[in-house]
Amino acid sequence: MRHFRPSRQVCTRAAGTIPVNDLTTTDLAGASAGAPGGNGNALALADLGRSRDLDNFSFGQFFGNMAGKVGRSLTNARNDENTQGLLLSQPRNLRSSESEVSLDEEAANLVAYQRQYEANAELVRILNQLTETTINIIR
């Protein structure tokens, strides 16, 4: 099996397309205007992290407090959701226990009602025949 390896000419040509500028280390953003070779901007950024510009908190403290508030709000929302779920399930459980229906028991009752209906129908038929026979005797 043969592997493809780009030639040095391809790599050189690709690297040659990257633009380059004249900046030196003294022109980097870490240096301040008063000290071009120093680290004034980096020191100013470090001081910014310790300053108390946000409600008398440092940046780290401010964002830590904000993250804590978000965490507490999330926990409260989850607790409220859980409580609402329990409050909803309680009446559902009560309703299902009150209206619990046994299908086997209802099927047995239905068969018993059908037999009673058939027995009553037979009674009515016999009474009808007796009445008819009595009327025929009287005539």
N, C-alpha and C. Protein backbone atom coordinates (compact mmCIF):
# COMPACT_ATOMS: atom_id res chain seq x y z
N MET A 1 0.84 -1.17 0.00
CA MET A 1 0.00 0.00 0.00
C MET A 1 0.88 1.23 0.00
N ARG A 2 0.61 2.15 -0.86
CA ARG A 2 1.45 3.33 -1.03
C ARG A 2 0.79 4.51 -0.33
N HIS A 3 1.55 5.24 0.48
CA HIS A 3 1.05 6.42 1.19
C HIS A 3 1.42 7.68 0.42
N PHE A 4 0.52 8.65 0.45
CA PHE A 4 0.78 9.92 -0.22
C PHE A 4 1.57 10.82 0.72
N ARG A 5 2.65 11.34 0.26
CA ARG A 5 3.43 12.30 1.04
C ARG A 5 3.66 13.51 0.16
N PRO A 6 3.24 14.68 0.63
CA PRO A 6 3.44 15.87 -0.19
C PRO A 6 4.93 16.19 -0.32
N SER A 7 5.28 16.71 -1.42
CA SER A 7 6.69 17.08 -1.62
C SER A 7 6.99 18.36 -0.87
N ARG A 8 8.26 18.63 -0.68
CA ARG A 8 8.68 19.84 0.03
C ARG A 8 8.26 21.08 -0.74
N GLN A 9 8.20 20.99 -2.03
CA GLN A 9 7.81 22.15 -2.83
C GLN A 9 6.37 22.55 -2.51
N VAL A 10 5.48 21.57 -2.33
CA VAL A 10 4.08 21.88 -2.00
C VAL A 10 4.02 22.57 -0.65
N CYS A 11 4.74 22.01 0.35
CA CYS A 11 4.73 22.61 1.68
C CYS A 11 5.32 24.01 1.64
N THR A 12 6.40 24.22 0.89
CA THR A 12 7.02 25.53 0.81
C THR A 12 6.08 26.53 0.16
N ARG A 13 5.42 26.09 -0.88
CA ARG A 13 4.50 27.01 -1.55
C ARG A 13 3.33 27.36 -0.64
N ALA A 14 2.82 26.41 0.15
CA ALA A 14 1.70 26.69 1.05
C ALA A 14 2.14 27.64 2.15
N ALA A 15 3.33 27.44 2.70
CA ALA A 15 3.81 28.33 3.75
C ALA A 15 4.09 29.72 3.21
N GLY A 16 4.42 29.81 1.95
CA GLY A 16 4.71 31.10 1.34
C GLY A 16 3.47 31.97 1.17
N THR A 17 2.29 31.38 1.30
CA THR A 17 1.06 32.18 1.15
C THR A 17 0.65 32.86 2.45
N ILE A 18 1.28 32.55 3.58
CA ILE A 18 0.94 33.19 4.86
C ILE A 18 1.56 34.58 4.88
N PRO A 19 0.75 35.62 5.10
CA PRO A 19 1.30 36.97 5.11
C PRO A 19 2.15 37.23 6.36
N VAL A 20 3.16 38.03 6.24
CA VAL A 20 4.06 38.38 7.33
C VAL A 20 4.13 39.90 7.41
N ASN A 21 4.22 40.45 8.66
CA ASN A 21 4.35 41.91 8.79
C ASN A 21 5.66 42.25 9.52
N ASP A 22 5.88 43.52 9.77
CA ASP A 22 7.17 43.99 10.31
C ASP A 22 7.17 44.12 11.83
N LEU A 23 6.20 43.60 12.55
CA LEU A 23 6.14 43.79 14.01
C LEU A 23 7.34 43.16 14.69
N THR A 24 7.78 43.84 15.74
CA THR A 24 8.85 43.29 16.58
C THR A 24 8.25 43.07 17.97
N THR A 25 9.02 42.51 18.86
CA THR A 25 8.51 42.25 20.21
C THR A 25 8.16 43.53 20.95
N THR A 26 8.77 44.64 20.58
CA THR A 26 8.45 45.91 21.24
C THR A 26 7.08 46.43 20.81
N ASP A 27 6.56 45.94 19.71
CA ASP A 27 5.26 46.40 19.22
C ASP A 27 4.09 45.55 19.72
N LEU A 28 4.36 44.54 20.50
CA LEU A 28 3.29 43.65 20.96
C LEU A 28 2.42 44.34 22.00
N ALA A 29 1.20 43.83 22.16
CA ALA A 29 0.22 44.45 23.05
C ALA A 29 0.61 44.36 24.51
N GLY A 30 1.53 43.50 24.88
CA GLY A 30 1.95 43.40 26.27
C GLY A 30 2.70 44.63 26.73
N ALA A 31 3.24 45.41 25.81
CA ALA A 31 4.02 46.59 26.16
C ALA A 31 3.11 47.79 26.28
N SER A 32 3.41 48.68 27.20
CA SER A 32 2.64 49.92 27.33
C SER A 32 3.32 51.03 26.53
N ALA A 33 2.60 52.13 26.35
CA ALA A 33 3.14 53.23 25.53
C ALA A 33 4.41 53.81 26.14
N GLY A 34 4.51 53.88 27.46
CA GLY A 34 5.68 54.47 28.11
C GLY A 34 6.89 53.55 28.12
N ALA A 35 6.66 52.25 28.02
CA ALA A 35 7.77 51.30 28.06
C ALA A 35 7.58 50.29 26.94
N PRO A 36 8.04 50.57 25.71
CA PRO A 36 7.77 49.72 24.56
C PRO A 36 8.27 48.29 24.70
N GLY A 37 9.24 48.03 25.45
CA GLY A 37 9.76 46.66 25.60
C GLY A 37 9.27 45.98 26.86
N GLY A 38 8.47 46.65 27.64
CA GLY A 38 8.05 46.10 28.93
C GLY A 38 6.74 45.35 28.87
N ASN A 39 6.19 45.10 30.05
CA ASN A 39 4.95 44.38 30.15
C ASN A 39 3.87 45.20 30.87
N GLY A 40 3.79 46.48 30.56
CA GLY A 40 2.86 47.39 31.22
C GLY A 40 1.40 47.00 31.03
N ASN A 41 1.03 46.61 29.81
CA ASN A 41 -0.37 46.22 29.57
C ASN A 41 -0.72 44.94 30.34
N ALA A 42 0.19 44.00 30.42
CA ALA A 42 -0.06 42.77 31.16
C ALA A 42 -0.24 43.07 32.64
N LEU A 43 0.58 43.99 33.17
CA LEU A 43 0.44 44.37 34.58
C LEU A 43 -0.88 45.11 34.81
N ALA A 44 -1.28 45.95 33.87
CA ALA A 44 -2.56 46.67 33.99
C ALA A 44 -3.73 45.68 33.98
N LEU A 45 -3.65 44.65 33.15
CA LEU A 45 -4.69 43.63 33.13
C LEU A 45 -4.73 42.86 34.45
N ALA A 46 -3.57 42.56 35.01
CA ALA A 46 -3.52 41.87 36.30
C ALA A 46 -4.13 42.74 37.39
N ASP A 47 -3.86 44.04 37.36
CA ASP A 47 -4.45 44.96 38.34
C ASP A 47 -5.96 45.06 38.14
N LEU A 48 -6.42 44.98 36.93
CA LEU A 48 -7.85 45.05 36.65
C LEU A 48 -8.58 43.88 37.32
N GLY A 49 -7.93 42.73 37.39
CA GLY A 49 -8.52 41.58 38.05
C GLY A 49 -8.67 41.77 39.54
N ARG A 50 -7.87 42.66 40.15
CA ARG A 50 -7.95 42.91 41.59
C ARG A 50 -8.76 44.17 41.92
N SER A 51 -9.10 44.96 40.93
CA SER A 51 -9.83 46.20 41.21
C SER A 51 -11.26 45.89 41.63
N ARG A 52 -11.88 46.81 42.34
CA ARG A 52 -13.24 46.62 42.85
C ARG A 52 -14.17 47.60 42.13
N ASP A 53 -14.31 47.42 40.83
CA ASP A 53 -15.12 48.34 40.01
C ASP A 53 -16.57 47.90 39.85
N LEU A 54 -16.91 46.66 40.19
CA LEU A 54 -18.27 46.15 40.00
C LEU A 54 -18.95 45.97 41.35
N ASP A 55 -19.74 46.95 41.77
CA ASP A 55 -20.45 46.90 43.06
C ASP A 55 -19.52 46.56 44.22
N ASN A 56 -18.33 47.16 44.18
CA ASN A 56 -17.30 46.96 45.21
C ASN A 56 -16.81 45.51 45.26
N PHE A 57 -16.92 44.79 44.16
CA PHE A 57 -16.39 43.43 44.03
C PHE A 57 -15.33 43.43 42.94
N SER A 58 -14.39 42.50 43.06
CA SER A 58 -13.45 42.29 41.96
C SER A 58 -14.19 41.53 40.86
N PHE A 59 -13.59 41.44 39.69
CA PHE A 59 -14.24 40.73 38.60
C PHE A 59 -14.52 39.27 38.98
N GLY A 60 -13.54 38.64 39.59
CA GLY A 60 -13.71 37.24 39.99
C GLY A 60 -14.83 37.07 41.01
N GLN A 61 -14.86 37.98 42.02
CA GLN A 61 -15.92 37.91 43.03
C GLN A 61 -17.29 38.18 42.42
N PHE A 62 -17.35 39.17 41.53
CA PHE A 62 -18.63 39.52 40.91
C PHE A 62 -19.19 38.35 40.10
N PHE A 63 -18.36 37.76 39.26
CA PHE A 63 -18.83 36.64 38.45
C PHE A 63 -19.07 35.40 39.29
N GLY A 64 -18.30 35.23 40.38
CA GLY A 64 -18.56 34.13 41.32
C GLY A 64 -19.92 34.28 41.98
N ASN A 65 -20.24 35.52 42.41
CA ASN A 65 -21.57 35.77 43.01
C ASN A 65 -22.67 35.54 41.99
N MET A 66 -22.42 36.00 40.76
CA MET A 66 -23.43 35.82 39.72
C MET A 66 -23.66 34.33 39.45
N ALA A 67 -22.59 33.55 39.38
CA ALA A 67 -22.72 32.11 39.15
C ALA A 67 -23.43 31.44 40.33
N GLY A 68 -23.17 31.90 41.54
CA GLY A 68 -23.86 31.37 42.72
C GLY A 68 -25.35 31.64 42.67
N LYS A 69 -25.72 32.87 42.25
CA LYS A 69 -27.15 33.21 42.15
C LYS A 69 -27.83 32.35 41.09
N VAL A 70 -27.16 32.15 39.97
CA VAL A 70 -27.73 31.30 38.91
C VAL A 70 -27.89 29.87 39.43
N GLY A 71 -26.89 29.37 40.15
CA GLY A 71 -26.97 28.01 40.70
C GLY A 71 -28.11 27.87 41.70
N ARG A 72 -28.27 28.88 42.58
CA ARG A 72 -29.37 28.84 43.55
C ARG A 72 -30.72 28.91 42.84
N SER A 73 -30.81 29.76 41.83
CA SER A 73 -32.07 29.86 41.07
C SER A 73 -32.39 28.54 40.39
N LEU A 74 -31.39 27.90 39.83
CA LEU A 74 -31.60 26.61 39.17
C LEU A 74 -32.05 25.55 40.18
N THR A 75 -31.41 25.52 41.35
CA THR A 75 -31.79 24.56 42.39
C THR A 75 -33.22 24.82 42.85
N ASN A 76 -33.57 26.10 43.06
CA ASN A 76 -34.94 26.43 43.48
C ASN A 76 -35.95 26.03 42.42
N ALA A 77 -35.62 26.26 41.15
CA ALA A 77 -36.54 25.89 40.07
C ALA A 77 -36.72 24.37 40.03
N ARG A 78 -35.66 23.63 40.20
CA ARG A 78 -35.77 22.16 40.20
C ARG A 78 -36.59 21.68 41.40
N ASN A 79 -36.37 22.29 42.56
CA ASN A 79 -37.16 21.93 43.74
C ASN A 79 -38.63 22.25 43.53
N ASP A 80 -38.91 23.42 42.95
CA ASP A 80 -40.30 23.79 42.68
C ASP A 80 -40.94 22.82 41.69
N GLU A 81 -40.19 22.42 40.68
CA GLU A 81 -40.70 21.45 39.70
C GLU A 81 -41.02 20.12 40.38
N ASN A 82 -40.13 19.68 41.26
CA ASN A 82 -40.35 18.43 41.99
C ASN A 82 -41.58 18.53 42.88
N THR A 83 -41.72 19.66 43.59
CA THR A 83 -42.89 19.86 44.46
C THR A 83 -44.17 19.87 43.64
N GLN A 84 -44.16 20.57 42.51
CA GLN A 84 -45.35 20.61 41.66
C GLN A 84 -45.71 19.21 41.14
N GLY A 85 -44.70 18.44 40.81
CA GLY A 85 -44.94 17.06 40.36
C GLY A 85 -45.58 16.22 41.45
N LEU A 86 -45.09 16.38 42.69
CA LEU A 86 -45.68 15.64 43.80
C LEU A 86 -47.11 16.10 44.07
N LEU A 87 -47.34 17.42 44.00
CA LEU A 87 -48.69 17.93 44.22
C LEU A 87 -49.65 17.45 43.13
N LEU A 88 -49.16 17.28 41.93
CA LEU A 88 -50.00 16.79 40.83
C LEU A 88 -50.25 15.30 40.96
N SER A 89 -49.26 14.54 41.38
CA SER A 89 -49.44 13.09 41.46
C SER A 89 -50.34 12.68 42.62
N GLN A 90 -50.38 13.47 43.69
CA GLN A 90 -51.21 13.11 44.84
C GLN A 90 -52.70 13.03 44.49
N PRO A 91 -53.31 14.07 43.87
CA PRO A 91 -54.73 13.92 43.51
C PRO A 91 -54.97 12.86 42.45
N ARG A 92 -54.01 12.66 41.55
CA ARG A 92 -54.16 11.59 40.55
C ARG A 92 -54.23 10.23 41.23
N ASN A 93 -53.37 10.03 42.21
CA ASN A 93 -53.37 8.75 42.93
C ASN A 93 -54.67 8.58 43.71
N LEU A 94 -55.13 9.64 44.34
CA LEU A 94 -56.40 9.57 45.08
C LEU A 94 -57.55 9.25 44.14
N ARG A 95 -57.58 9.91 42.98
CA ARG A 95 -58.65 9.68 42.02
C ARG A 95 -58.63 8.25 41.52
N SER A 96 -57.46 7.74 41.21
CA SER A 96 -57.39 6.38 40.69
C SER A 96 -57.75 5.36 41.76
N SER A 97 -57.41 5.62 43.03
CA SER A 97 -57.78 4.67 44.08
C SER A 97 -59.28 4.71 44.36
N GLU A 98 -59.91 5.88 44.20
CA GLU A 98 -61.35 5.99 44.42
C GLU A 98 -62.14 5.39 43.27
N SER A 99 -61.67 5.54 42.07
CA SER A 99 -62.42 5.06 40.90
C SER A 99 -61.83 3.78 40.34
N GLU A 100 -61.15 3.03 41.19
CA GLU A 100 -60.52 1.80 40.74
C GLU A 100 -61.60 0.80 40.36
N VAL A 101 -61.55 0.27 39.16
CA VAL A 101 -62.56 -0.65 38.65
C VAL A 101 -61.88 -1.96 38.31
N SER A 102 -62.48 -3.05 38.82
CA SER A 102 -61.98 -4.38 38.49
C SER A 102 -62.76 -4.87 37.28
N LEU A 103 -62.06 -5.09 36.18
CA LEU A 103 -62.73 -5.55 34.96
C LEU A 103 -63.31 -6.94 35.13
N ASP A 104 -62.64 -7.80 35.90
CA ASP A 104 -63.18 -9.15 36.13
C ASP A 104 -64.50 -9.09 36.89
N GLU A 105 -64.53 -8.25 37.93
CA GLU A 105 -65.76 -8.10 38.72
C GLU A 105 -66.89 -7.52 37.88
N GLU A 106 -66.57 -6.54 37.05
CA GLU A 106 -67.60 -5.94 36.20
C GLU A 106 -68.10 -6.93 35.16
N ALA A 107 -67.25 -7.78 34.62
CA ALA A 107 -67.67 -8.81 33.66
C ALA A 107 -68.59 -9.82 34.33
N ALA A 108 -68.27 -10.21 35.57
CA ALA A 108 -69.13 -11.15 36.31
C ALA A 108 -70.49 -10.52 36.58
N ASN A 109 -70.51 -9.24 36.94
CA ASN A 109 -71.78 -8.53 37.17
C ASN A 109 -72.60 -8.46 35.89
N LEU A 110 -71.95 -8.24 34.78
CA LEU A 110 -72.66 -8.15 33.49
C LEU A 110 -73.32 -9.49 33.13
N VAL A 111 -72.61 -10.58 33.37
CA VAL A 111 -73.18 -11.90 33.10
C VAL A 111 -74.38 -12.14 34.02
N ALA A 112 -74.26 -11.76 35.29
CA ALA A 112 -75.37 -11.94 36.24
C ALA A 112 -76.57 -11.10 35.82
N TYR A 113 -76.34 -9.86 35.39
CA TYR A 113 -77.46 -9.00 34.95
C TYR A 113 -78.13 -9.58 33.71
N GLN A 114 -77.35 -10.17 32.82
CA GLN A 114 -77.92 -10.77 31.60
C GLN A 114 -78.80 -11.97 31.96
N ARG A 115 -78.36 -12.79 32.90
CA ARG A 115 -79.17 -13.95 33.33
C ARG A 115 -80.45 -13.48 34.01
N GLN A 116 -80.35 -12.43 34.81
CA GLN A 116 -81.56 -11.90 35.46
C GLN A 116 -82.54 -11.37 34.42
N TYR A 117 -82.03 -10.72 33.43
CA TYR A 117 -82.88 -10.19 32.35
C TYR A 117 -83.58 -11.34 31.62
N GLU A 118 -82.83 -12.40 31.30
CA GLU A 118 -83.41 -13.55 30.62
C GLU A 118 -84.48 -14.21 31.49
N ALA A 119 -84.23 -14.30 32.81
CA ALA A 119 -85.21 -14.91 33.72
C ALA A 119 -86.47 -14.05 33.78
N ASN A 120 -86.32 -12.74 33.83
CA ASN A 120 -87.49 -11.85 33.85
C ASN A 120 -88.26 -11.94 32.54
N ALA A 121 -87.55 -12.07 31.43
CA ALA A 121 -88.23 -12.20 30.14
C ALA A 121 -89.02 -13.50 30.09
N GLU A 122 -88.48 -14.57 30.63
CA GLU A 122 -89.21 -15.85 30.67
C GLU A 122 -90.43 -15.73 31.57
N LEU A 123 -90.31 -15.05 32.70
CA LEU A 123 -91.44 -14.84 33.61
C LEU A 123 -92.55 -14.07 32.91
N VAL A 124 -92.21 -13.04 32.17
CA VAL A 124 -93.21 -12.24 31.44
C VAL A 124 -93.87 -13.10 30.38
N ARG A 125 -93.12 -13.94 29.70
CA ARG A 125 -93.69 -14.82 28.67
C ARG A 125 -94.68 -15.80 29.29
N ILE A 126 -94.32 -16.38 30.43
CA ILE A 126 -95.22 -17.33 31.11
C ILE A 126 -96.48 -16.62 31.60
N LEU A 127 -96.30 -15.42 32.19
CA LEU A 127 -97.47 -14.67 32.65
C LEU A 127 -98.37 -14.30 31.48
N ASN A 128 -97.79 -13.99 30.35
CA ASN A 128 -98.57 -13.67 29.16
C ASN A 128 -99.38 -14.89 28.72
N GLN A 129 -98.77 -16.08 28.74
CA GLN A 129 -99.47 -17.30 28.36
C GLN A 129 -100.61 -17.61 29.35
N LEU A 130 -100.34 -17.44 30.67
CA LEU A 130 -101.36 -17.70 31.68
C LEU A 130 -102.53 -16.74 31.51
N THR A 131 -102.22 -15.49 31.25
CA THR A 131 -103.29 -14.50 31.06
C THR A 131 -104.11 -14.87 29.84
N GLU A 132 -103.46 -15.27 28.79
CA GLU A 132 -104.16 -15.63 27.55
C GLU A 132 -105.03 -16.87 27.78
N THR A 133 -104.51 -17.86 28.51
CA THR A 133 -105.25 -19.07 28.82
C THR A 133 -106.45 -18.74 29.72
N THR A 134 -106.27 -17.89 30.70
CA THR A 134 -107.36 -17.49 31.60
C THR A 134 -108.45 -16.77 30.82
N ILE A 135 -108.08 -15.90 29.92
CA ILE A 135 -109.08 -15.17 29.10
C ILE A 135 -109.83 -16.15 28.21
N ASN A 136 -109.14 -17.13 27.67
CA ASN A 136 -109.79 -18.12 26.80
C ASN A 136 -110.76 -18.98 27.61
N ILE A 137 -110.43 -19.30 28.85
CA ILE A 137 -111.31 -20.10 29.71
C ILE A 137 -112.57 -19.29 30.04
N ILE A 138 -112.41 -18.03 30.33
CA ILE A 138 -113.54 -17.18 30.71
C ILE A 138 -114.45 -16.99 29.51
N ARG A 139 -114.09 -16.99 28.36
CA ARG A 139 -114.92 -16.74 27.18
C ARG A 139 -115.75 -17.89 26.94
